[in-house]
Amino acid sequence: MFWLDERLVYDGVYSNVGWYGTLLLTYKLFGFGLFTAKKVRLLLHLAGLYAAVLILRRAFAPRQAIVPLLALGLSPALIYFDTLQTSYGVDVWYGAICLALLLSIRPESAAPADRLKAAAAGVVAMIAAMSYPVFVLYLPSLVLMARWCGLDRRAIWLSVTGAAAPLLLAVAWVQSRALLLFDPDTGAGLFRGGGTLTFDWTTAVHATLTTARDVFVRGQSYYFDVSRPDFAGVLSIAALIGVLAIVGYALITSKNGRQVGTIAAVLVVLCLAVPAFSTGDPGLRRSTGLVTAFFAVFALAWRTVVTASAWPTAVRRIGIVLCLLVPIGSALKLRSLHDDARRDNAFQNRDWFAVAGSPELSLAKLSAQGADQTLACAVDADRRIIPCRYQEIYPAIAGLRRWNRQPETPVKALDWKTGREIVLTPELWNGKYYPTCTRMNECR
């Protein structure tokens, strides 16, 4: 966010300017704290749930809508991702917001409110795609839904126009456009993040198995450390099988069921295939569209059982129980999920944010020190400086002062290349004086 405030991007991997821009605006309006981004994610979570309410009330009575809403809100994967401060998983909530906007547009309407909703859907979609590239995989499903709901060409073009606005704003704002669009050093850029396509079957199989383990066994991939994920355990497996069986019936007997099933299937295929054939760290964070697709078919299954008046009473009750196992299974995982969120993981920074009793105290201590002293990397047994990641503590200190309206004094550090004092600036990384490392264990 500090780089973006300087009208720069750190490198092509960190080109998610939709998410960083949202946080930067928040910091400028309300001030900076190390965990402010958690509050932003909470607000996005609540906005996504409200959008889900607007979607569900079109197909359910108020009481009937509670079950699919609980199933979505209790998803272990989504709750865990929302405890982080990255943009992983935001595609789910942005997808719900976009869908709610599209469904609220009256077909063939020329009313200003409907035109505004169409443009707003495009704006939200582009912000989502620039927040985390996975959202690009949602676009075919959203377009199909828009066409099936009867949106005319005017509404679709208004959505496209709305989508162009934040993209043009980002390109105009960022001065290091080459890094934003495509960084040759990392092979990454806007809408790609840190992954590039590769048609290697070994990589694809490994990525698919990693994602399957994240969903069915235990989350152990990049930034996803969950001991009991969504479909782990006997209850959740039984619920999944039951939901899929009910959906299979809906696909055969209902046109709306076939439409929802097709939209979900498109999203599943794209969210499995595209990340599988991409380089980088595989796992559920790249395929959260699978979670979105499941809750779409879960809503379809629930609607099928609560409206199936022709079913034998015993069969209908079995279907209801199987569907209820989804939120029940997720609720039983909340305790372990709480422990997962508190557990240390390999991606936590311990160079700077563990020097005092808490990350906040560590930042306050280093910020006070940086005003009149010099930040310094650790040294080894021979008193040689160990290369460290100033790019994490420097913008935190500088941002704390700038966004909290404190005096902006230079942040000085001991250059681990020369052993001399240096004033830290973003150009040290954009100019390649320091390497723009993207993993915690790099640049040591």
Protein backbone atom coordinates (compact mmCIF):
# COMPACT_ATOMS: atom_id res chain seq x y z
CA MET A 1 0.00 0.00 0.00
CA PHE A 2 2.90 2.36 0.66
CA TRP A 3 4.28 1.66 -2.82
CA LEU A 4 0.86 2.36 -4.29
CA ASP A 5 0.66 5.62 -2.34
CA GLU A 6 3.89 6.53 -4.13
CA ARG A 7 2.14 5.63 -7.43
CA LEU A 8 4.25 2.49 -7.80
CA VAL A 9 3.81 -1.26 -7.54
CA TYR A 10 6.33 -3.37 -5.67
CA ASP A 11 6.66 -5.91 -8.49
CA GLY A 12 4.46 -7.89 -10.87
CA VAL A 13 3.51 -10.44 -8.20
CA TYR A 14 2.11 -7.65 -6.03
CA SER A 15 -0.06 -6.18 -8.77
CA ASN A 16 -3.40 -6.75 -6.99
CA VAL A 17 -4.12 -3.02 -6.99
CA GLY A 18 -7.84 -3.53 -6.41
CA TRP A 19 -7.17 -4.91 -2.93
CA TYR A 20 -4.21 -2.64 -2.18
CA GLY A 21 -6.13 0.39 -3.41
CA THR A 22 -9.06 -0.47 -1.13
CA LEU A 23 -6.73 -0.72 1.85
CA LEU A 24 -4.86 2.46 0.90
CA LEU A 25 -8.11 4.41 0.76
CA THR A 26 -9.07 2.98 4.15
CA TYR A 27 -5.73 3.99 5.68
CA LYS A 28 -6.00 7.50 4.28
CA LEU A 29 -9.51 7.95 5.65
CA PHE A 30 -9.26 6.18 9.01
CA GLY A 31 -5.55 5.78 9.75
CA PHE A 32 -3.21 2.81 9.68
CA GLY A 33 -2.96 -0.15 12.02
CA LEU A 34 -1.29 -3.49 11.46
CA PHE A 35 -4.66 -5.25 11.59
CA THR A 36 -6.91 -2.68 9.92
CA ALA A 37 -7.11 -4.99 6.90
CA LYS A 38 -8.88 -7.58 9.07
CA LYS A 39 -11.68 -5.06 9.63
CA VAL A 40 -11.90 -4.42 5.90
CA ARG A 41 -12.18 -8.16 5.27
CA LEU A 42 -14.89 -8.43 7.93
CA LEU A 43 -16.90 -5.69 6.23
CA LEU A 44 -16.48 -7.42 2.86
CA HIS A 45 -17.57 -10.71 4.49
CA LEU A 46 -20.72 -9.07 5.86
CA ALA A 47 -21.42 -7.37 2.52
CA GLY A 48 -21.09 -10.73 0.78
CA LEU A 49 -23.48 -12.38 3.23
CA TYR A 50 -25.99 -9.57 2.74
CA ALA A 51 -25.69 -10.06 -1.02
CA ALA A 52 -26.34 -13.77 -0.46
CA VAL A 53 -29.50 -12.83 1.46
CA LEU A 54 -30.70 -10.76 -1.52
CA ILE A 55 -30.03 -13.71 -3.84
CA LEU A 56 -31.65 -16.33 -1.62
CA ARG A 57 -34.83 -14.39 -0.94
CA ARG A 58 -35.66 -14.68 -4.64
CA ALA A 59 -35.99 -18.46 -4.30
CA PHE A 60 -36.90 -19.08 -0.64
CA ALA A 61 -39.24 -18.00 2.09
CA PRO A 62 -37.33 -16.12 4.81
CA ARG A 63 -37.09 -19.12 7.16
CA GLN A 64 -36.08 -21.47 4.37
CA ALA A 65 -33.20 -19.16 3.38
CA ILE A 66 -31.56 -19.47 6.79
CA VAL A 67 -30.04 -22.90 6.09
CA PRO A 68 -28.11 -22.05 2.88
CA LEU A 69 -27.04 -18.76 4.47
CA LEU A 70 -25.67 -20.64 7.49
CA ALA A 71 -23.94 -23.13 5.22
CA LEU A 72 -22.17 -20.29 3.41
CA GLY A 73 -21.36 -18.26 6.52
CA LEU A 74 -19.92 -21.24 8.42
CA SER A 75 -17.59 -22.44 5.65
CA PRO A 76 -14.23 -23.21 7.34
CA ALA A 77 -12.28 -22.18 4.23
CA LEU A 78 -13.97 -18.81 3.95
CA ILE A 79 -13.73 -18.05 7.67
CA TYR A 80 -10.04 -18.96 7.69
CA PHE A 81 -9.21 -16.84 4.65
CA ASP A 82 -11.05 -13.92 6.25
CA THR A 83 -8.72 -14.09 9.26
CA LEU A 84 -5.83 -13.23 6.94
CA GLN A 85 -5.01 -9.79 5.56
CA THR A 86 -4.31 -10.94 2.01
CA SER A 87 -6.87 -10.95 -0.80
CA TYR A 88 -7.24 -14.76 -0.78
CA GLY A 89 -10.91 -15.73 -0.85
CA VAL A 90 -12.32 -12.26 -1.57
CA ASP A 91 -13.51 -13.58 -4.93
CA VAL A 92 -16.35 -15.45 -3.18
CA TRP A 93 -17.82 -12.33 -1.59
CA TYR A 94 -17.28 -10.16 -4.65
CA GLY A 95 -18.96 -12.88 -6.72
CA ALA A 96 -22.01 -12.76 -4.45
CA ILE A 97 -22.16 -8.96 -4.68
CA CYS A 98 -21.92 -9.01 -8.48
CA LEU A 99 -24.60 -11.68 -8.76
CA ALA A 100 -26.95 -9.79 -6.42
CA LEU A 101 -26.55 -6.66 -8.53
CA LEU A 102 -27.20 -8.52 -11.79
CA LEU A 103 -30.28 -10.28 -10.44
CA SER A 104 -31.73 -7.00 -9.21
CA ILE A 105 -31.77 -5.52 -12.73
CA ARG A 106 -35.17 -5.71 -14.40
CA PRO A 107 -34.98 -7.18 -17.92
CA GLU A 108 -35.26 -4.65 -20.76
CA SER A 109 -35.48 -1.82 -18.22
CA ALA A 110 -34.24 1.66 -19.14
CA ALA A 111 -34.73 3.03 -15.63
CA PRO A 112 -31.72 4.98 -14.29
CA ALA A 113 -31.55 2.75 -11.20
CA ASP A 114 -31.20 -0.39 -13.32
CA ARG A 115 -28.57 1.21 -15.52
CA LEU A 116 -26.65 2.24 -12.42
CA LYS A 117 -26.81 -1.32 -11.07
CA ALA A 118 -25.43 -2.68 -14.36
CA ALA A 119 -22.52 -0.24 -14.28
CA ALA A 120 -21.93 -0.96 -10.58
CA ALA A 121 -21.74 -4.70 -11.30
CA GLY A 122 -18.96 -3.99 -13.80
CA VAL A 123 -17.09 -1.78 -11.34
CA VAL A 124 -17.29 -4.43 -8.61
CA ALA A 125 -16.19 -7.16 -11.03
CA MET A 126 -13.10 -5.23 -12.11
CA ILE A 127 -12.14 -4.33 -8.54
CA ALA A 128 -12.53 -8.02 -7.69
CA ALA A 129 -10.38 -9.14 -10.63
CA MET A 130 -7.71 -6.60 -9.68
CA SER A 131 -7.91 -7.77 -6.06
CA TYR A 132 -7.28 -11.43 -6.80
CA PRO A 133 -6.96 -12.86 -10.34
CA VAL A 134 -9.07 -15.95 -9.51
CA PHE A 135 -12.13 -13.76 -9.98
CA VAL A 136 -11.50 -13.67 -13.74
CA LEU A 137 -12.64 -17.32 -13.75
CA TYR A 138 -16.08 -16.20 -12.48
CA LEU A 139 -16.79 -14.02 -15.51
CA PRO A 140 -18.13 -16.74 -17.86
CA SER A 141 -20.58 -17.92 -15.19
CA LEU A 142 -21.71 -14.36 -14.45
CA VAL A 143 -22.24 -13.66 -18.15
CA LEU A 144 -24.29 -16.85 -18.51
CA MET A 145 -26.41 -15.86 -15.53
CA ALA A 146 -26.91 -12.36 -16.94
CA ARG A 147 -28.10 -13.73 -20.27
CA TRP A 148 -30.41 -16.32 -18.70
CA CYS A 149 -31.93 -13.63 -16.49
CA GLY A 150 -32.84 -11.67 -19.59
CA LEU A 151 -30.40 -8.77 -19.35
CA ASP A 152 -30.30 -6.92 -22.65
CA ARG A 153 -27.25 -5.78 -24.55
CA ARG A 154 -27.50 -2.29 -23.12
CA ALA A 155 -27.15 -3.58 -19.56
CA ILE A 156 -24.23 -5.79 -20.54
CA TRP A 157 -22.46 -2.91 -22.27
CA LEU A 158 -23.04 -0.71 -19.24
CA SER A 159 -21.39 -3.43 -17.13
CA VAL A 160 -18.42 -3.47 -19.49
CA THR A 161 -18.16 0.32 -19.32
CA GLY A 162 -18.32 0.19 -15.54
CA ALA A 163 -15.56 -2.42 -15.53
CA ALA A 164 -13.31 -0.21 -17.64
CA ALA A 165 -13.44 2.68 -15.14
CA PRO A 166 -11.36 1.18 -12.26
CA LEU A 167 -8.95 -0.42 -14.74
CA LEU A 168 -8.25 2.89 -16.47
CA LEU A 169 -7.93 4.60 -13.08
CA ALA A 170 -5.35 2.04 -11.93
CA VAL A 171 -3.32 2.33 -15.13
CA ALA A 172 -3.42 6.12 -14.95
CA TRP A 173 -2.43 6.21 -11.28
CA VAL A 174 0.48 3.76 -11.32
CA GLN A 175 3.60 5.24 -12.84
CA SER A 176 5.50 1.94 -12.97
CA ARG A 177 3.02 0.58 -15.53
CA ALA A 178 5.50 -1.95 -16.94
CA LEU A 179 5.66 -3.69 -13.56
CA LEU A 180 1.90 -3.45 -13.17
CA LEU A 181 1.03 -5.01 -16.51
CA PHE A 182 3.92 -7.47 -16.85
CA ASP A 183 7.09 -7.78 -14.80
CA PRO A 184 9.70 -9.70 -16.83
CA ASP A 185 11.74 -10.51 -13.71
CA THR A 186 8.87 -12.40 -12.06
CA GLY A 187 6.80 -13.29 -15.14
CA ALA A 188 3.76 -11.86 -13.32
CA GLY A 189 1.46 -8.89 -13.59
CA LEU A 190 -2.12 -7.68 -13.48
CA PHE A 191 -4.71 -10.51 -13.55
CA ARG A 192 -1.92 -13.10 -13.22
CA GLY A 193 -0.49 -12.55 -9.76
CA GLY A 194 2.46 -14.86 -9.17
CA GLY A 195 1.46 -17.63 -11.58
CA THR A 196 2.06 -18.21 -15.27
CA LEU A 197 0.45 -20.87 -17.45
CA THR A 198 2.37 -24.07 -18.07
CA PHE A 199 1.07 -27.17 -19.86
CA ASP A 200 2.88 -29.71 -17.73
CA TRP A 201 0.81 -32.72 -16.68
CA THR A 202 2.99 -33.53 -13.67
CA THR A 203 2.45 -30.02 -12.35
CA ALA A 204 -1.27 -30.25 -13.07
CA VAL A 205 -1.70 -33.56 -11.23
CA HIS A 206 0.27 -32.28 -8.23
CA ALA A 207 -1.76 -29.06 -8.10
CA THR A 208 -5.08 -30.92 -8.36
CA LEU A 209 -4.12 -33.36 -5.61
CA THR A 210 -2.99 -30.50 -3.38
CA THR A 211 -6.31 -28.73 -3.85
CA ALA A 212 -8.23 -31.96 -3.20
CA ARG A 213 -6.28 -32.52 0.02
CA ASP A 214 -7.04 -28.93 1.07
CA VAL A 215 -10.76 -29.59 0.63
CA PHE A 216 -11.19 -33.18 1.81
CA VAL A 217 -8.33 -34.04 4.18
CA ARG A 218 -6.34 -31.16 5.69
CA GLY A 219 -5.39 -27.72 4.47
CA GLN A 220 -1.61 -27.67 4.12
CA SER A 221 -0.88 -25.41 1.18
CA TYR A 222 0.43 -21.89 0.80
CA TYR A 223 -1.27 -19.69 3.41
CA PHE A 224 -3.98 -22.30 4.02
CA ASP A 225 -3.33 -24.24 7.22
CA VAL A 226 -6.67 -25.76 8.28
CA SER A 227 -6.84 -29.05 10.18
CA ARG A 228 -10.51 -29.79 9.33
CA PRO A 229 -11.53 -28.20 6.01
CA ASP A 230 -15.02 -28.00 4.51
CA PHE A 231 -15.45 -31.63 3.41
CA ALA A 232 -13.25 -33.42 5.93
CA GLY A 233 -14.96 -35.96 8.17
CA VAL A 234 -17.75 -38.50 7.82
CA LEU A 235 -20.60 -36.00 8.34
CA SER A 236 -19.32 -33.61 5.69
CA ILE A 237 -18.62 -36.38 3.16
CA ALA A 238 -22.12 -37.79 3.68
CA ALA A 239 -23.56 -34.30 3.26
CA LEU A 240 -21.60 -33.75 0.04
CA ILE A 241 -22.77 -37.05 -1.45
CA GLY A 242 -26.37 -36.32 -0.47
CA VAL A 243 -26.28 -32.79 -1.92
CA LEU A 244 -24.82 -34.04 -5.21
CA ALA A 245 -27.47 -36.77 -5.43
CA ILE A 246 -30.27 -34.26 -4.89
CA VAL A 247 -28.75 -31.89 -7.43
CA GLY A 248 -28.54 -34.74 -9.92
CA TYR A 249 -32.31 -35.15 -9.56
CA ALA A 250 -32.81 -31.39 -10.00
CA LEU A 251 -30.74 -31.40 -13.18
CA ILE A 252 -33.05 -34.01 -14.69
CA THR A 253 -36.37 -32.53 -13.62
CA SER A 254 -35.88 -28.74 -13.62
CA LYS A 255 -34.83 -26.23 -16.27
CA ASN A 256 -33.69 -23.79 -13.58
CA GLY A 257 -31.77 -26.65 -12.00
CA ARG A 258 -29.95 -27.31 -15.27
CA GLN A 259 -29.08 -23.63 -15.60
CA VAL A 260 -27.67 -23.39 -12.07
CA GLY A 261 -25.86 -26.69 -12.55
CA THR A 262 -24.30 -25.49 -15.81
CA ILE A 263 -23.12 -22.23 -14.25
CA ALA A 264 -21.61 -24.11 -11.28
CA ALA A 265 -20.00 -26.70 -13.57
CA VAL A 266 -18.33 -24.01 -15.69
CA LEU A 267 -16.91 -22.42 -12.54
CA VAL A 268 -15.69 -25.79 -11.19
CA VAL A 269 -13.93 -26.73 -14.42
CA LEU A 270 -12.21 -23.35 -14.75
CA CYS A 271 -11.21 -23.22 -11.06
CA LEU A 272 -9.64 -26.67 -11.31
CA ALA A 273 -8.04 -26.50 -14.74
CA VAL A 274 -6.55 -22.98 -14.89
CA PRO A 275 -4.78 -23.09 -11.48
CA ALA A 276 -3.65 -26.67 -12.16
CA PHE A 277 -1.80 -25.56 -15.28
CA SER A 278 -0.19 -22.58 -13.54
CA THR A 279 3.21 -22.29 -11.92
CA GLY A 280 3.64 -21.33 -8.29
CA ASP A 281 2.30 -22.69 -5.04
CA PRO A 282 -0.89 -24.76 -5.60
CA GLY A 283 -3.76 -25.04 -3.17
CA LEU A 284 -7.28 -23.92 -2.36
CA ARG A 285 -6.41 -20.21 -2.32
CA ARG A 286 -6.26 -20.42 -6.13
CA SER A 287 -9.48 -22.41 -6.43
CA THR A 288 -11.93 -20.80 -3.99
CA GLY A 289 -14.41 -20.74 -6.87
CA LEU A 290 -14.96 -24.41 -5.98
CA VAL A 291 -16.44 -23.26 -2.67
CA THR A 292 -18.66 -20.77 -4.46
CA ALA A 293 -19.88 -23.43 -6.90
CA PHE A 294 -20.66 -25.83 -4.05
CA PHE A 295 -22.84 -23.31 -2.24
CA ALA A 296 -24.68 -22.56 -5.48
CA VAL A 297 -25.56 -26.24 -5.89
CA PHE A 298 -26.27 -26.54 -2.17
CA ALA A 299 -28.90 -23.80 -2.48
CA LEU A 300 -30.32 -25.72 -5.45
CA ALA A 301 -30.40 -28.96 -3.44
CA TRP A 302 -32.06 -27.26 -0.47
CA ARG A 303 -34.69 -25.65 -2.67
CA THR A 304 -35.36 -29.03 -4.25
CA VAL A 305 -36.02 -30.80 -0.93
CA VAL A 306 -38.09 -28.02 0.65
CA THR A 307 -40.35 -27.71 -2.41
CA ALA A 308 -40.57 -31.40 -3.39
CA SER A 309 -44.16 -31.94 -2.32
CA ALA A 310 -44.45 -35.03 -4.57
CA TRP A 311 -41.64 -36.86 -2.79
CA PRO A 312 -42.49 -39.56 -0.22
CA THR A 313 -42.30 -38.04 3.25
CA ALA A 314 -39.45 -40.33 4.36
CA VAL A 315 -37.33 -39.53 1.28
CA ARG A 316 -37.89 -35.82 1.70
CA ARG A 317 -36.89 -35.95 5.36
CA ILE A 318 -33.71 -37.85 4.48
CA GLY A 319 -32.88 -35.15 1.90
CA ILE A 320 -33.46 -32.39 4.45
CA VAL A 321 -31.24 -34.15 7.02
CA LEU A 322 -28.46 -34.64 4.46
CA CYS A 323 -28.56 -30.95 3.58
CA LEU A 324 -28.59 -29.95 7.25
CA LEU A 325 -25.38 -31.92 7.75
CA VAL A 326 -23.51 -29.24 5.76
CA PRO A 327 -23.91 -26.36 8.26
CA ILE A 328 -23.83 -28.79 11.20
CA GLY A 329 -20.52 -30.29 10.03
CA SER A 330 -19.05 -26.81 9.54
CA ALA A 331 -20.26 -25.62 12.96
CA LEU A 332 -18.56 -28.60 14.63
CA LYS A 333 -15.24 -27.47 13.09
CA LEU A 334 -15.31 -23.96 14.55
CA ARG A 335 -13.26 -24.88 17.63
CA SER A 336 -10.45 -26.44 15.61
CA LEU A 337 -10.67 -23.55 13.15
CA HIS A 338 -10.14 -21.12 16.01
CA ASP A 339 -7.03 -23.07 17.00
CA ASP A 340 -5.83 -23.06 13.38
CA ALA A 341 -6.09 -19.28 13.18
CA ARG A 342 -4.08 -18.86 16.39
CA ARG A 343 -1.36 -21.33 15.43
CA ASP A 344 2.00 -20.06 14.21
CA ASN A 345 2.73 -20.80 10.57
CA ALA A 346 5.69 -20.72 8.24
CA PHE A 347 4.66 -17.44 6.61
CA GLN A 348 4.74 -15.21 9.67
CA ASN A 349 7.44 -12.54 9.71
CA ARG A 350 9.85 -12.87 12.60
CA ASP A 351 12.53 -10.45 11.44
CA TRP A 352 10.67 -7.38 12.67
CA PHE A 353 7.21 -8.02 14.07
CA ALA A 354 8.28 -10.31 16.90
CA VAL A 355 10.90 -8.08 18.53
CA ALA A 356 8.45 -6.99 21.27
CA GLY A 357 5.43 -8.53 22.98
CA SER A 358 3.11 -8.22 19.97
CA PRO A 359 3.27 -7.10 16.34
CA GLU A 360 1.78 -3.71 17.32
CA LEU A 361 4.34 -3.20 20.10
CA SER A 362 7.10 -4.31 17.75
CA LEU A 363 6.07 -1.73 15.16
CA ALA A 364 5.76 1.01 17.78
CA LYS A 365 9.21 0.18 19.13
CA LEU A 366 10.87 0.10 15.72
CA SER A 367 9.06 3.23 14.58
CA ALA A 368 10.28 5.16 17.62
CA GLN A 369 13.76 3.78 17.07
CA GLY A 370 13.76 4.60 13.38
CA ALA A 371 13.17 8.30 14.03
CA ASP A 372 16.60 8.87 15.53
CA GLN A 373 18.42 5.55 15.12
CA THR A 374 19.18 3.10 12.34
CA LEU A 375 17.37 -0.13 11.58
CA ALA A 376 19.77 -3.01 11.29
CA CYS A 377 19.63 -6.61 10.12
CA ALA A 378 20.81 -9.38 12.41
CA VAL A 379 24.43 -10.54 12.35
CA ASP A 380 25.83 -14.06 12.34
CA ALA A 381 28.39 -15.60 14.69
CA ASP A 382 31.21 -13.93 12.75
CA ARG A 383 29.53 -10.50 13.10
CA ARG A 384 28.64 -10.43 9.42
CA ILE A 385 25.36 -8.79 8.44
CA ILE A 386 22.66 -11.24 7.37
CA PRO A 387 20.61 -9.88 4.42
CA CYS A 388 17.09 -9.07 5.67
CA ARG A 389 13.76 -7.83 4.41
CA TYR A 390 13.65 -4.09 5.01
CA GLN A 391 10.77 -3.97 2.50
CA GLU A 392 8.42 -5.21 5.23
CA ILE A 393 9.29 -2.98 8.15
CA TYR A 394 10.12 0.16 6.15
CA PRO A 395 6.66 0.73 4.61
CA ALA A 396 4.99 -0.16 7.92
CA ILE A 397 6.96 2.54 9.72
CA ALA A 398 6.62 5.08 6.91
CA GLY A 399 2.92 4.29 6.48
CA LEU A 400 2.26 4.52 10.22
CA ARG A 401 3.65 8.04 10.23
CA ARG A 402 2.02 9.19 6.99
CA TRP A 403 -1.46 7.74 7.35
CA ASN A 404 -1.71 8.52 11.06
CA ARG A 405 -0.66 12.11 10.37
CA GLN A 406 2.62 11.94 12.23
CA PRO A 407 5.79 13.76 11.11
CA GLU A 408 7.24 11.95 8.08
CA THR A 409 10.87 11.53 9.08
CA PRO A 410 13.22 9.46 6.87
CA VAL A 411 13.55 5.77 7.75
CA LYS A 412 17.24 4.95 7.99
CA ALA A 413 18.80 1.50 7.95
CA LEU A 414 22.15 -0.21 7.85
CA ASP A 415 22.71 -1.28 4.25
CA TRP A 416 23.43 -5.01 4.36
CA LYS A 417 25.31 -4.68 1.07
CA THR A 418 27.84 -2.03 2.11
CA GLY A 419 27.55 -1.84 5.89
CA ARG A 420 26.81 1.89 5.64
CA GLU A 421 23.77 3.89 6.68
CA ILE A 422 21.14 4.37 3.98
CA VAL A 423 17.77 6.14 3.73
CA LEU A 424 15.10 3.67 2.64
CA THR A 425 12.89 4.58 -0.34
CA PRO A 426 10.68 2.51 -2.69
CA GLU A 427 13.13 3.17 -5.53
CA LEU A 428 15.71 0.94 -3.83
CA TRP A 429 13.50 -2.03 -4.76
CA ASN A 430 11.96 -0.72 -7.98
CA GLY A 431 15.45 0.21 -9.15
CA LYS A 432 16.66 -3.33 -8.28
CA TYR A 433 19.23 -2.20 -5.72
CA TYR A 434 17.54 -4.58 -3.32
CA PRO A 435 15.90 -7.74 -4.73
CA THR A 436 12.09 -7.76 -4.74
CA CYS A 437 11.72 -11.09 -2.96
CA THR A 438 8.28 -12.65 -2.76
CA ARG A 439 8.76 -15.37 -0.13
CA MET A 440 9.71 -15.23 3.53
CA ASN A 441 12.72 -17.49 3.13
CA GLU A 442 14.25 -15.56 0.25
CA CYS A 443 16.90 -12.82 0.42
CA ARG A 444 18.60 -14.26 3.46
